[in-house]
N, C-alpha and C. Protein backbone atom coordinates (compact mmCIF):
# COMPACT_ATOMS: atom_id res chain seq x y z
N MET A 1 47.16 -75.79 47.06
CA MET A 1 45.95 -76.64 47.12
C MET A 1 44.92 -75.98 46.23
N GLY A 2 44.38 -76.86 45.35
CA GLY A 2 43.37 -76.38 44.37
C GLY A 2 41.93 -76.34 45.06
N ARG A 3 41.17 -75.44 44.61
CA ARG A 3 39.83 -75.40 45.01
C ARG A 3 38.94 -76.17 44.05
N LEU A 4 37.86 -76.78 44.56
CA LEU A 4 36.81 -77.42 43.70
C LEU A 4 35.69 -76.44 43.48
N ILE A 5 35.55 -76.10 42.14
CA ILE A 5 34.50 -75.15 41.76
C ILE A 5 33.38 -75.84 41.00
N TYR A 6 32.16 -75.57 41.44
CA TYR A 6 31.00 -76.06 40.64
C TYR A 6 30.42 -74.84 39.84
N SER A 7 30.43 -75.01 38.52
CA SER A 7 29.99 -73.90 37.68
C SER A 7 28.80 -74.46 36.85
N ALA A 8 27.78 -73.62 36.77
CA ALA A 8 26.60 -74.02 35.96
C ALA A 8 25.94 -72.82 35.33
N ILE A 9 25.42 -72.99 34.14
CA ILE A 9 24.58 -72.07 33.51
C ILE A 9 23.13 -72.57 33.77
N ALA A 10 22.27 -71.70 34.44
CA ALA A 10 20.97 -72.21 34.83
C ALA A 10 19.96 -71.22 34.52
N SER A 11 18.67 -71.62 34.37
CA SER A 11 17.60 -70.79 34.22
C SER A 11 17.26 -70.14 35.52
N LEU A 12 16.45 -69.06 35.47
CA LEU A 12 16.07 -68.46 36.70
C LEU A 12 15.39 -69.30 37.73
N ASP A 13 14.67 -70.33 37.21
CA ASP A 13 14.01 -71.21 38.11
C ASP A 13 14.92 -72.47 38.45
N GLY A 14 16.22 -72.39 38.14
CA GLY A 14 17.19 -73.33 38.66
C GLY A 14 17.43 -74.54 37.92
N TYR A 15 17.19 -74.58 36.59
CA TYR A 15 17.44 -75.78 35.81
C TYR A 15 18.61 -75.55 34.80
N VAL A 16 19.33 -76.57 34.51
CA VAL A 16 20.42 -76.59 33.57
C VAL A 16 20.00 -77.09 32.16
N ALA A 17 18.95 -77.74 32.18
CA ALA A 17 18.30 -78.24 30.92
C ALA A 17 16.70 -78.37 31.18
N ASP A 18 15.96 -78.16 30.13
CA ASP A 18 14.52 -78.27 30.34
C ASP A 18 14.03 -79.69 30.37
N GLU A 19 12.75 -79.81 30.37
CA GLU A 19 12.13 -81.20 30.48
C GLU A 19 12.49 -82.11 29.28
N ASN A 20 12.85 -81.55 28.21
CA ASN A 20 13.18 -82.27 26.92
C ASN A 20 14.75 -82.54 26.89
N GLY A 21 15.49 -82.04 27.87
CA GLY A 21 16.94 -82.11 27.81
C GLY A 21 17.58 -81.04 27.06
N SER A 22 16.87 -80.10 26.54
CA SER A 22 17.37 -78.93 25.79
C SER A 22 18.07 -77.87 26.72
N PHE A 23 19.11 -77.33 26.27
CA PHE A 23 19.72 -76.17 26.95
C PHE A 23 20.13 -75.09 25.99
N ASP A 24 19.38 -75.05 24.79
CA ASP A 24 19.67 -74.12 23.81
C ASP A 24 19.51 -72.68 24.25
N TRP A 25 18.65 -72.49 25.22
CA TRP A 25 18.41 -71.17 25.90
C TRP A 25 19.59 -70.70 26.65
N ALA A 26 20.54 -71.55 26.96
CA ALA A 26 21.70 -71.25 27.82
C ALA A 26 22.91 -70.80 27.04
N ALA A 27 22.93 -70.81 25.66
CA ALA A 27 24.02 -70.47 24.92
C ALA A 27 24.48 -69.01 25.33
N PRO A 28 25.78 -68.83 25.72
CA PRO A 28 26.26 -67.52 26.12
C PRO A 28 26.50 -66.67 24.88
N ASP A 29 26.26 -65.38 25.08
CA ASP A 29 26.78 -64.47 24.04
C ASP A 29 28.19 -64.21 24.19
N ASP A 30 28.80 -63.39 23.33
CA ASP A 30 30.25 -63.17 23.34
C ASP A 30 30.75 -62.60 24.70
N GLU A 31 29.98 -61.63 25.22
CA GLU A 31 30.33 -61.05 26.50
C GLU A 31 30.42 -62.06 27.69
N VAL A 32 29.39 -62.89 27.71
CA VAL A 32 29.33 -63.92 28.79
C VAL A 32 30.44 -64.95 28.54
N HIS A 33 30.62 -65.33 27.29
CA HIS A 33 31.57 -66.31 26.93
C HIS A 33 32.99 -65.89 27.33
N ARG A 34 33.38 -64.58 27.00
CA ARG A 34 34.69 -64.16 27.35
C ARG A 34 34.90 -64.18 28.84
N TYR A 35 33.83 -63.78 29.60
CA TYR A 35 33.98 -63.79 31.05
C TYR A 35 34.12 -65.20 31.67
N ALA A 36 33.35 -66.13 31.10
CA ALA A 36 33.47 -67.58 31.43
C ALA A 36 34.84 -68.11 31.15
N ASN A 37 35.34 -67.74 29.94
CA ASN A 37 36.69 -68.18 29.61
C ASN A 37 37.75 -67.70 30.62
N ASP A 38 37.66 -66.45 31.10
CA ASP A 38 38.64 -65.98 32.09
C ASP A 38 38.50 -66.79 33.42
N LEU A 39 37.29 -67.21 33.76
CA LEU A 39 37.10 -68.03 34.99
C LEU A 39 37.74 -69.38 34.73
N GLU A 40 37.69 -69.97 33.55
CA GLU A 40 38.18 -71.32 33.29
C GLU A 40 39.75 -71.30 33.24
N ARG A 41 40.31 -70.21 33.07
CA ARG A 41 41.76 -70.20 32.90
C ARG A 41 42.50 -70.77 34.14
N SER A 42 41.91 -70.67 35.34
CA SER A 42 42.57 -71.17 36.52
C SER A 42 42.36 -72.67 36.79
N VAL A 43 41.54 -73.26 35.94
CA VAL A 43 41.20 -74.68 36.09
C VAL A 43 42.28 -75.59 35.45
N GLY A 44 42.78 -76.48 36.22
CA GLY A 44 43.78 -77.45 35.67
C GLY A 44 43.14 -78.82 35.40
N THR A 45 42.02 -79.10 36.06
CA THR A 45 41.37 -80.39 35.87
C THR A 45 39.89 -80.22 35.91
N HIS A 46 39.24 -80.77 34.94
CA HIS A 46 37.71 -80.79 34.92
C HIS A 46 37.20 -82.21 35.34
N LEU A 47 36.23 -82.29 36.16
CA LEU A 47 35.62 -83.47 36.57
C LEU A 47 34.25 -83.49 35.98
N TYR A 48 33.95 -84.54 35.11
CA TYR A 48 32.71 -84.61 34.41
C TYR A 48 31.97 -85.88 34.66
N GLY A 49 30.67 -85.85 34.60
CA GLY A 49 29.85 -87.04 34.38
C GLY A 49 29.82 -87.37 32.97
N ARG A 50 29.35 -88.57 32.52
CA ARG A 50 29.42 -88.98 31.17
C ARG A 50 28.67 -88.01 30.23
N ARG A 51 27.42 -87.67 30.56
CA ARG A 51 26.70 -86.89 29.67
C ARG A 51 27.29 -85.52 29.31
N LEU A 52 27.76 -84.86 30.34
CA LEU A 52 28.43 -83.55 30.15
C LEU A 52 29.70 -83.74 29.35
N TYR A 53 30.39 -84.79 29.69
CA TYR A 53 31.67 -85.02 28.94
C TYR A 53 31.36 -85.26 27.46
N GLU A 54 30.32 -85.93 27.18
CA GLU A 54 30.03 -86.13 25.68
C GLU A 54 29.62 -84.89 25.03
N VAL A 55 28.87 -83.93 25.70
CA VAL A 55 28.62 -82.66 25.18
C VAL A 55 29.91 -81.82 25.06
N MET A 56 30.79 -81.86 26.00
CA MET A 56 31.98 -81.02 26.02
C MET A 56 32.98 -81.57 24.97
N GLY A 57 32.91 -82.77 24.56
CA GLY A 57 33.83 -83.37 23.53
C GLY A 57 33.86 -82.66 22.28
N PHE A 58 32.78 -81.84 21.97
CA PHE A 58 32.82 -80.98 20.84
C PHE A 58 34.08 -80.08 20.77
N TRP A 59 34.51 -79.62 21.96
CA TRP A 59 35.71 -78.70 21.98
C TRP A 59 37.07 -79.40 21.61
N GLU A 60 37.02 -80.72 21.69
CA GLU A 60 38.20 -81.47 21.31
C GLU A 60 38.41 -81.53 19.79
N THR A 61 37.36 -81.63 19.05
CA THR A 61 37.45 -81.87 17.63
C THR A 61 37.11 -80.72 16.73
N VAL A 62 36.43 -79.72 17.27
CA VAL A 62 36.00 -78.64 16.41
C VAL A 62 37.20 -77.92 15.74
N ASP A 63 36.99 -77.56 14.49
CA ASP A 63 38.04 -76.77 13.76
C ASP A 63 38.11 -75.35 14.30
N LEU A 64 39.15 -74.99 14.87
CA LEU A 64 39.30 -73.67 15.52
C LEU A 64 39.18 -72.49 14.49
N ALA A 65 39.49 -72.73 13.21
CA ALA A 65 39.41 -71.67 12.27
C ALA A 65 37.90 -71.35 12.03
N ASP A 66 36.98 -72.21 12.36
CA ASP A 66 35.55 -72.04 12.12
C ASP A 66 34.88 -71.23 13.26
N LEU A 67 35.61 -71.04 14.33
CA LEU A 67 35.01 -70.50 15.56
C LEU A 67 35.11 -68.93 15.71
N PRO A 68 34.11 -68.32 16.33
CA PRO A 68 34.30 -66.94 16.71
C PRO A 68 35.43 -66.81 17.84
N THR A 69 35.97 -65.70 17.97
CA THR A 69 37.17 -65.63 18.88
C THR A 69 36.90 -66.18 20.36
N PRO A 70 35.82 -65.84 20.99
CA PRO A 70 35.55 -66.34 22.35
C PRO A 70 35.52 -67.81 22.44
N GLU A 71 34.87 -68.42 21.32
CA GLU A 71 34.78 -69.91 21.37
C GLU A 71 36.12 -70.55 21.02
N GLU A 72 36.98 -69.94 20.15
CA GLU A 72 38.22 -70.46 19.88
C GLU A 72 39.11 -70.44 21.10
N ASP A 73 39.05 -69.34 21.86
CA ASP A 73 39.80 -69.21 23.10
C ASP A 73 39.28 -70.34 24.07
N TYR A 74 38.03 -70.58 24.20
CA TYR A 74 37.58 -71.54 25.12
C TYR A 74 38.00 -72.96 24.67
N ALA A 75 38.04 -73.26 23.38
CA ALA A 75 38.48 -74.50 22.92
C ALA A 75 39.92 -74.76 23.34
N ARG A 76 40.76 -73.67 23.24
CA ARG A 76 42.19 -73.94 23.61
C ARG A 76 42.34 -74.07 25.00
N ILE A 77 41.54 -73.34 25.88
CA ILE A 77 41.56 -73.54 27.35
C ILE A 77 41.15 -75.04 27.68
N TRP A 78 40.03 -75.49 27.11
CA TRP A 78 39.51 -76.77 27.43
C TRP A 78 40.48 -77.89 27.02
N ARG A 79 41.13 -77.72 25.87
CA ARG A 79 42.11 -78.73 25.40
C ARG A 79 43.34 -78.80 26.26
N SER A 80 43.65 -77.71 26.89
CA SER A 80 44.90 -77.67 27.69
C SER A 80 44.72 -78.20 29.11
N ALA A 81 43.50 -78.40 29.49
CA ALA A 81 43.18 -78.93 30.87
C ALA A 81 43.09 -80.48 30.90
N ASP A 82 43.35 -81.01 32.03
CA ASP A 82 43.20 -82.40 32.26
C ASP A 82 41.60 -82.66 32.55
N LYS A 83 41.18 -83.81 32.18
CA LYS A 83 39.78 -84.21 32.40
C LYS A 83 39.67 -85.50 33.02
N VAL A 84 38.78 -85.71 34.01
CA VAL A 84 38.39 -86.99 34.62
C VAL A 84 36.94 -87.17 34.44
N VAL A 85 36.61 -88.30 33.75
CA VAL A 85 35.24 -88.68 33.42
C VAL A 85 34.75 -89.79 34.37
N TYR A 86 33.66 -89.64 35.04
CA TYR A 86 33.08 -90.68 35.91
C TYR A 86 31.92 -91.31 35.21
N SER A 87 32.06 -92.54 34.85
CA SER A 87 30.99 -93.21 34.14
C SER A 87 31.19 -94.75 34.34
N THR A 88 30.04 -95.39 34.52
CA THR A 88 30.01 -96.86 34.52
C THR A 88 29.63 -97.43 33.19
N THR A 89 29.27 -96.53 32.27
CA THR A 89 28.79 -97.04 30.95
C THR A 89 29.74 -96.77 29.76
N LEU A 90 30.60 -95.70 29.95
CA LEU A 90 31.54 -95.39 28.90
C LEU A 90 32.61 -96.33 28.78
N ASP A 91 32.88 -96.84 27.52
CA ASP A 91 33.97 -97.84 27.34
C ASP A 91 35.38 -97.21 27.32
N ARG A 92 35.46 -96.00 26.72
CA ARG A 92 36.70 -95.33 26.57
C ARG A 92 36.47 -93.79 26.41
N VAL A 93 37.50 -93.02 26.64
CA VAL A 93 37.40 -91.57 26.49
C VAL A 93 37.85 -91.22 25.10
N SER A 94 37.37 -90.05 24.59
CA SER A 94 37.63 -89.75 23.16
C SER A 94 38.41 -88.43 23.10
N SER A 95 39.05 -88.02 24.20
CA SER A 95 39.81 -86.72 24.19
C SER A 95 41.17 -86.97 24.87
N THR A 96 42.08 -86.08 24.47
CA THR A 96 43.41 -86.23 25.07
C THR A 96 43.34 -85.73 26.53
N ARG A 97 44.40 -86.04 27.29
CA ARG A 97 44.45 -85.50 28.65
C ARG A 97 43.23 -85.86 29.45
N THR A 98 42.75 -87.07 29.27
CA THR A 98 41.46 -87.56 29.84
C THR A 98 41.66 -88.87 30.43
N ARG A 99 41.13 -89.14 31.70
CA ARG A 99 41.04 -90.53 32.15
C ARG A 99 39.71 -90.76 32.65
N LEU A 100 39.40 -92.10 32.67
CA LEU A 100 38.09 -92.64 33.02
C LEU A 100 38.13 -93.13 34.40
N GLU A 101 37.13 -92.87 35.20
CA GLU A 101 37.00 -93.43 36.52
C GLU A 101 35.55 -94.04 36.61
N ARG A 102 35.44 -95.18 37.23
CA ARG A 102 34.13 -95.93 37.30
C ARG A 102 33.20 -95.37 38.35
N SER A 103 33.79 -94.79 39.44
CA SER A 103 32.90 -94.24 40.48
C SER A 103 33.53 -93.01 41.12
N PHE A 104 32.73 -92.21 41.70
CA PHE A 104 33.21 -90.97 42.31
C PHE A 104 33.61 -91.37 43.71
N ASP A 105 34.83 -91.04 44.02
CA ASP A 105 35.40 -91.34 45.30
C ASP A 105 35.78 -90.05 46.00
N PRO A 106 35.04 -89.54 47.05
CA PRO A 106 35.30 -88.38 47.75
C PRO A 106 36.70 -88.25 48.21
N ASP A 107 37.32 -89.32 48.75
CA ASP A 107 38.65 -89.24 49.24
C ASP A 107 39.65 -88.99 48.16
N ALA A 108 39.46 -89.60 46.96
CA ALA A 108 40.31 -89.42 45.80
C ALA A 108 40.24 -88.02 45.37
N VAL A 109 39.05 -87.36 45.39
CA VAL A 109 38.90 -85.98 44.96
C VAL A 109 39.60 -85.00 46.00
N ARG A 110 39.46 -85.36 47.29
CA ARG A 110 40.23 -84.57 48.31
C ARG A 110 41.67 -84.56 48.00
N ALA A 111 42.11 -85.83 47.72
CA ALA A 111 43.61 -85.92 47.41
C ALA A 111 43.98 -85.12 46.16
N MET A 112 43.13 -85.15 45.13
CA MET A 112 43.45 -84.33 43.88
C MET A 112 43.55 -82.84 44.26
N LYS A 113 42.60 -82.38 45.04
CA LYS A 113 42.57 -80.91 45.45
C LYS A 113 43.86 -80.71 46.24
N ALA A 114 44.20 -81.48 47.15
CA ALA A 114 45.45 -81.29 48.04
C ALA A 114 46.73 -81.29 47.20
N ALA A 115 46.76 -82.09 46.15
CA ALA A 115 47.95 -82.26 45.31
C ALA A 115 48.11 -81.28 44.21
N SER A 116 46.98 -80.53 43.94
CA SER A 116 46.90 -79.64 42.76
C SER A 116 47.34 -78.22 43.12
N ASP A 117 48.10 -77.65 42.28
CA ASP A 117 48.47 -76.16 42.36
C ASP A 117 47.41 -75.29 41.56
N ARG A 118 46.52 -75.99 40.93
CA ARG A 118 45.50 -75.25 40.07
C ARG A 118 44.12 -75.73 40.52
N ASP A 119 43.12 -74.94 40.23
CA ASP A 119 41.72 -75.28 40.60
C ASP A 119 41.17 -76.54 39.84
N LEU A 120 40.19 -77.15 40.42
CA LEU A 120 39.48 -78.16 39.70
C LEU A 120 38.03 -77.70 39.56
N SER A 121 37.41 -78.06 38.45
CA SER A 121 36.01 -77.79 38.30
C SER A 121 35.27 -79.04 38.19
N ILE A 122 33.99 -79.02 38.70
CA ILE A 122 33.11 -80.16 38.57
C ILE A 122 31.86 -79.72 37.80
N GLY A 123 31.56 -80.50 36.74
CA GLY A 123 30.55 -80.14 35.88
C GLY A 123 29.55 -81.20 35.75
N GLY A 124 28.22 -80.71 35.58
CA GLY A 124 27.11 -81.67 35.53
C GLY A 124 26.44 -81.77 36.87
N PRO A 125 25.21 -81.50 37.00
CA PRO A 125 24.58 -81.54 38.34
C PRO A 125 24.50 -82.88 38.96
N GLY A 126 24.49 -83.94 38.24
CA GLY A 126 24.50 -85.27 38.88
C GLY A 126 25.84 -85.53 39.52
N LEU A 127 26.90 -85.41 38.87
CA LEU A 127 28.22 -85.51 39.48
C LEU A 127 28.48 -84.57 40.58
N ALA A 128 28.12 -83.27 40.34
CA ALA A 128 28.31 -82.25 41.33
C ALA A 128 27.51 -82.57 42.65
N ALA A 129 26.38 -83.21 42.50
CA ALA A 129 25.62 -83.60 43.72
C ALA A 129 26.39 -84.44 44.67
N HIS A 130 27.23 -85.37 44.10
CA HIS A 130 28.10 -86.19 44.92
C HIS A 130 29.05 -85.39 45.75
N ALA A 131 29.70 -84.43 45.07
CA ALA A 131 30.74 -83.60 45.61
C ALA A 131 30.08 -82.59 46.67
N ILE A 132 28.87 -82.10 46.32
CA ILE A 132 28.14 -81.23 47.27
C ILE A 132 27.87 -82.01 48.56
N ARG A 133 27.31 -83.19 48.42
CA ARG A 133 26.96 -83.97 49.58
C ARG A 133 28.07 -84.35 50.40
N ALA A 134 29.27 -84.52 49.74
CA ALA A 134 30.50 -84.87 50.48
C ALA A 134 31.20 -83.56 51.07
N GLY A 135 30.62 -82.45 50.81
CA GLY A 135 31.23 -81.21 51.39
C GLY A 135 32.57 -80.80 50.71
N LEU A 136 32.70 -81.18 49.37
CA LEU A 136 33.95 -80.92 48.66
C LEU A 136 33.95 -79.62 47.83
N VAL A 137 32.80 -79.01 47.65
CA VAL A 137 32.79 -77.88 46.70
C VAL A 137 33.21 -76.58 47.56
N ASP A 138 34.16 -75.91 47.14
CA ASP A 138 34.73 -74.70 47.74
C ASP A 138 34.04 -73.44 47.16
N GLU A 139 33.74 -73.44 45.93
CA GLU A 139 33.23 -72.25 45.24
C GLU A 139 32.12 -72.64 44.32
N TRP A 140 31.19 -71.76 44.09
CA TRP A 140 29.96 -71.99 43.29
C TRP A 140 29.92 -70.87 42.36
N CYS A 141 29.89 -71.11 41.10
CA CYS A 141 29.85 -70.11 40.06
C CYS A 141 28.58 -70.38 39.22
N LEU A 142 27.69 -69.39 39.24
CA LEU A 142 26.26 -69.63 38.53
C LEU A 142 26.04 -68.48 37.57
N PHE A 143 25.79 -68.85 36.43
CA PHE A 143 25.37 -67.90 35.35
C PHE A 143 23.83 -68.06 35.32
N VAL A 144 23.02 -67.13 35.76
CA VAL A 144 21.57 -67.18 35.71
C VAL A 144 21.05 -66.50 34.53
N VAL A 145 20.40 -67.30 33.66
CA VAL A 145 19.88 -66.81 32.34
C VAL A 145 18.53 -66.28 32.60
N PRO A 146 18.15 -65.18 31.93
CA PRO A 146 16.78 -64.64 32.17
C PRO A 146 15.72 -65.46 31.40
N VAL A 147 15.41 -66.58 31.88
CA VAL A 147 14.44 -67.47 31.27
C VAL A 147 13.95 -68.39 32.35
N THR A 148 12.68 -68.82 32.35
CA THR A 148 12.25 -69.92 33.22
C THR A 148 11.85 -71.07 32.25
N VAL A 149 12.15 -72.27 32.58
CA VAL A 149 11.87 -73.44 31.75
C VAL A 149 10.77 -74.33 32.36
N GLY A 150 10.48 -74.21 33.57
CA GLY A 150 9.42 -74.83 34.20
C GLY A 150 9.63 -76.31 34.66
N GLY A 151 10.84 -76.82 34.49
CA GLY A 151 11.13 -78.19 34.90
C GLY A 151 12.32 -78.63 34.13
N GLY A 152 12.91 -79.82 34.54
CA GLY A 152 14.01 -80.39 33.80
C GLY A 152 15.03 -80.95 34.73
N ILE A 153 16.29 -80.67 34.35
CA ILE A 153 17.43 -81.15 35.24
C ILE A 153 17.79 -79.98 36.18
N ARG A 154 17.69 -80.21 37.43
CA ARG A 154 17.99 -79.15 38.42
C ARG A 154 19.46 -78.90 38.59
N ALA A 155 19.86 -77.70 38.75
CA ALA A 155 21.23 -77.30 38.91
C ALA A 155 21.82 -77.80 40.23
N PHE A 156 21.04 -78.00 41.24
CA PHE A 156 21.42 -78.22 42.64
C PHE A 156 20.59 -79.46 43.17
N PRO A 157 21.24 -80.30 43.97
CA PRO A 157 20.53 -81.46 44.56
C PRO A 157 19.51 -81.04 45.51
N GLN A 158 18.44 -81.82 45.68
CA GLN A 158 17.55 -81.56 46.72
C GLN A 158 18.00 -82.17 48.04
N GLY A 159 17.53 -81.68 49.16
CA GLY A 159 17.86 -82.21 50.42
C GLY A 159 19.16 -81.95 51.02
N VAL A 160 19.92 -80.98 50.43
CA VAL A 160 21.26 -80.63 50.87
C VAL A 160 21.27 -79.12 51.22
N ARG A 161 21.70 -78.81 52.39
CA ARG A 161 21.80 -77.41 52.79
C ARG A 161 23.24 -77.10 52.91
N VAL A 162 23.70 -75.90 52.27
CA VAL A 162 25.08 -75.48 52.37
C VAL A 162 25.00 -73.95 52.52
N GLU A 163 25.73 -73.46 53.57
CA GLU A 163 25.84 -72.09 53.82
C GLU A 163 26.89 -71.49 52.81
N LEU A 164 26.44 -70.36 52.16
CA LEU A 164 27.34 -69.76 51.20
C LEU A 164 27.60 -68.27 51.45
N GLU A 165 28.73 -67.76 51.07
CA GLU A 165 29.01 -66.31 51.16
C GLU A 165 29.12 -65.81 49.69
N LEU A 166 28.36 -64.76 49.38
CA LEU A 166 28.46 -64.08 48.07
C LEU A 166 29.74 -63.27 48.01
N VAL A 167 30.63 -63.63 46.98
CA VAL A 167 31.82 -62.87 46.85
C VAL A 167 31.91 -62.10 45.56
N GLU A 168 31.00 -62.32 44.62
CA GLU A 168 31.06 -61.57 43.40
C GLU A 168 29.73 -61.63 42.71
N GLU A 169 29.30 -60.54 42.06
CA GLU A 169 28.04 -60.58 41.31
C GLU A 169 28.30 -59.63 40.08
N LEU A 170 27.78 -59.94 38.91
CA LEU A 170 27.92 -59.16 37.77
C LEU A 170 26.69 -59.36 36.84
N ARG A 171 26.27 -58.21 36.27
CA ARG A 171 25.13 -58.32 35.27
C ARG A 171 25.72 -58.07 34.01
N PHE A 172 25.30 -58.94 32.97
CA PHE A 172 25.77 -58.75 31.62
C PHE A 172 24.65 -58.03 30.78
N GLY A 173 24.95 -57.55 29.57
CA GLY A 173 24.13 -56.82 28.78
C GLY A 173 22.87 -57.66 28.33
N ASN A 174 23.02 -58.96 28.23
CA ASN A 174 21.93 -59.76 27.74
C ASN A 174 20.95 -60.10 28.89
N GLY A 175 21.29 -59.59 30.12
CA GLY A 175 20.36 -59.97 31.23
C GLY A 175 20.90 -61.15 32.11
N THR A 176 21.89 -61.85 31.65
CA THR A 176 22.44 -62.87 32.44
C THR A 176 23.08 -62.32 33.62
N VAL A 177 23.01 -62.94 34.71
CA VAL A 177 23.69 -62.45 35.95
C VAL A 177 24.62 -63.59 36.43
N PHE A 178 25.89 -63.19 36.75
CA PHE A 178 26.84 -64.10 37.34
C PHE A 178 26.88 -63.91 38.78
N LEU A 179 26.87 -65.05 39.52
CA LEU A 179 27.01 -65.12 40.95
C LEU A 179 28.06 -66.00 41.40
N ARG A 180 29.03 -65.57 42.24
CA ARG A 180 30.10 -66.36 42.65
C ARG A 180 29.98 -66.45 44.24
N TYR A 181 29.90 -67.71 44.80
CA TYR A 181 29.79 -67.92 46.27
C TYR A 181 30.96 -68.81 46.68
N ARG A 182 31.31 -68.61 47.92
CA ARG A 182 32.25 -69.50 48.60
C ARG A 182 31.45 -70.23 49.69
N THR A 183 31.87 -71.50 49.87
CA THR A 183 31.23 -72.28 50.88
C THR A 183 31.75 -71.80 52.27
N VAL A 184 30.76 -71.54 53.20
CA VAL A 184 31.12 -71.13 54.53
C VAL A 184 31.49 -72.38 55.29
N PRO A 185 32.74 -72.39 55.87
CA PRO A 185 33.21 -73.53 56.57
C PRO A 185 32.32 -73.85 57.84
């Protein structure tokens, strides 16, 4: 059975993008990128909302020869995983190994987890909020970047309480802190 993992890169004040939608402050350096790559290796399926899927589509078409080693590695990892995009506005997907779903169905995600021998990740705080509210998230991986942005897109939904157990913490040379939590049943 696969775990559903919510991963995010967030500012210290809890945002994945600032009020202008920018997340340039969140770009990982090589050390953080290599670590994130190792986390992604266990993922067999990514669940994305439309906006994050469109951002991540970069990894489908980028020329690998032009990338630094950690980014080339990530592109290969991303291309080898299945993707499910949840969108009511997207006409079609633009990457291989990808299917389009019109709505988030918690029962369908439970079935995916039960049938999978690899982990699933859910990306994008809007889509993740549905999974969090449905009690589907097993693990939470947060890269906290040493910056405050003062507002924008929150990493976590408001009005939801989830008990967590800290299972890993790591500080990187650039000041980013990685925190991994498991949901307490």
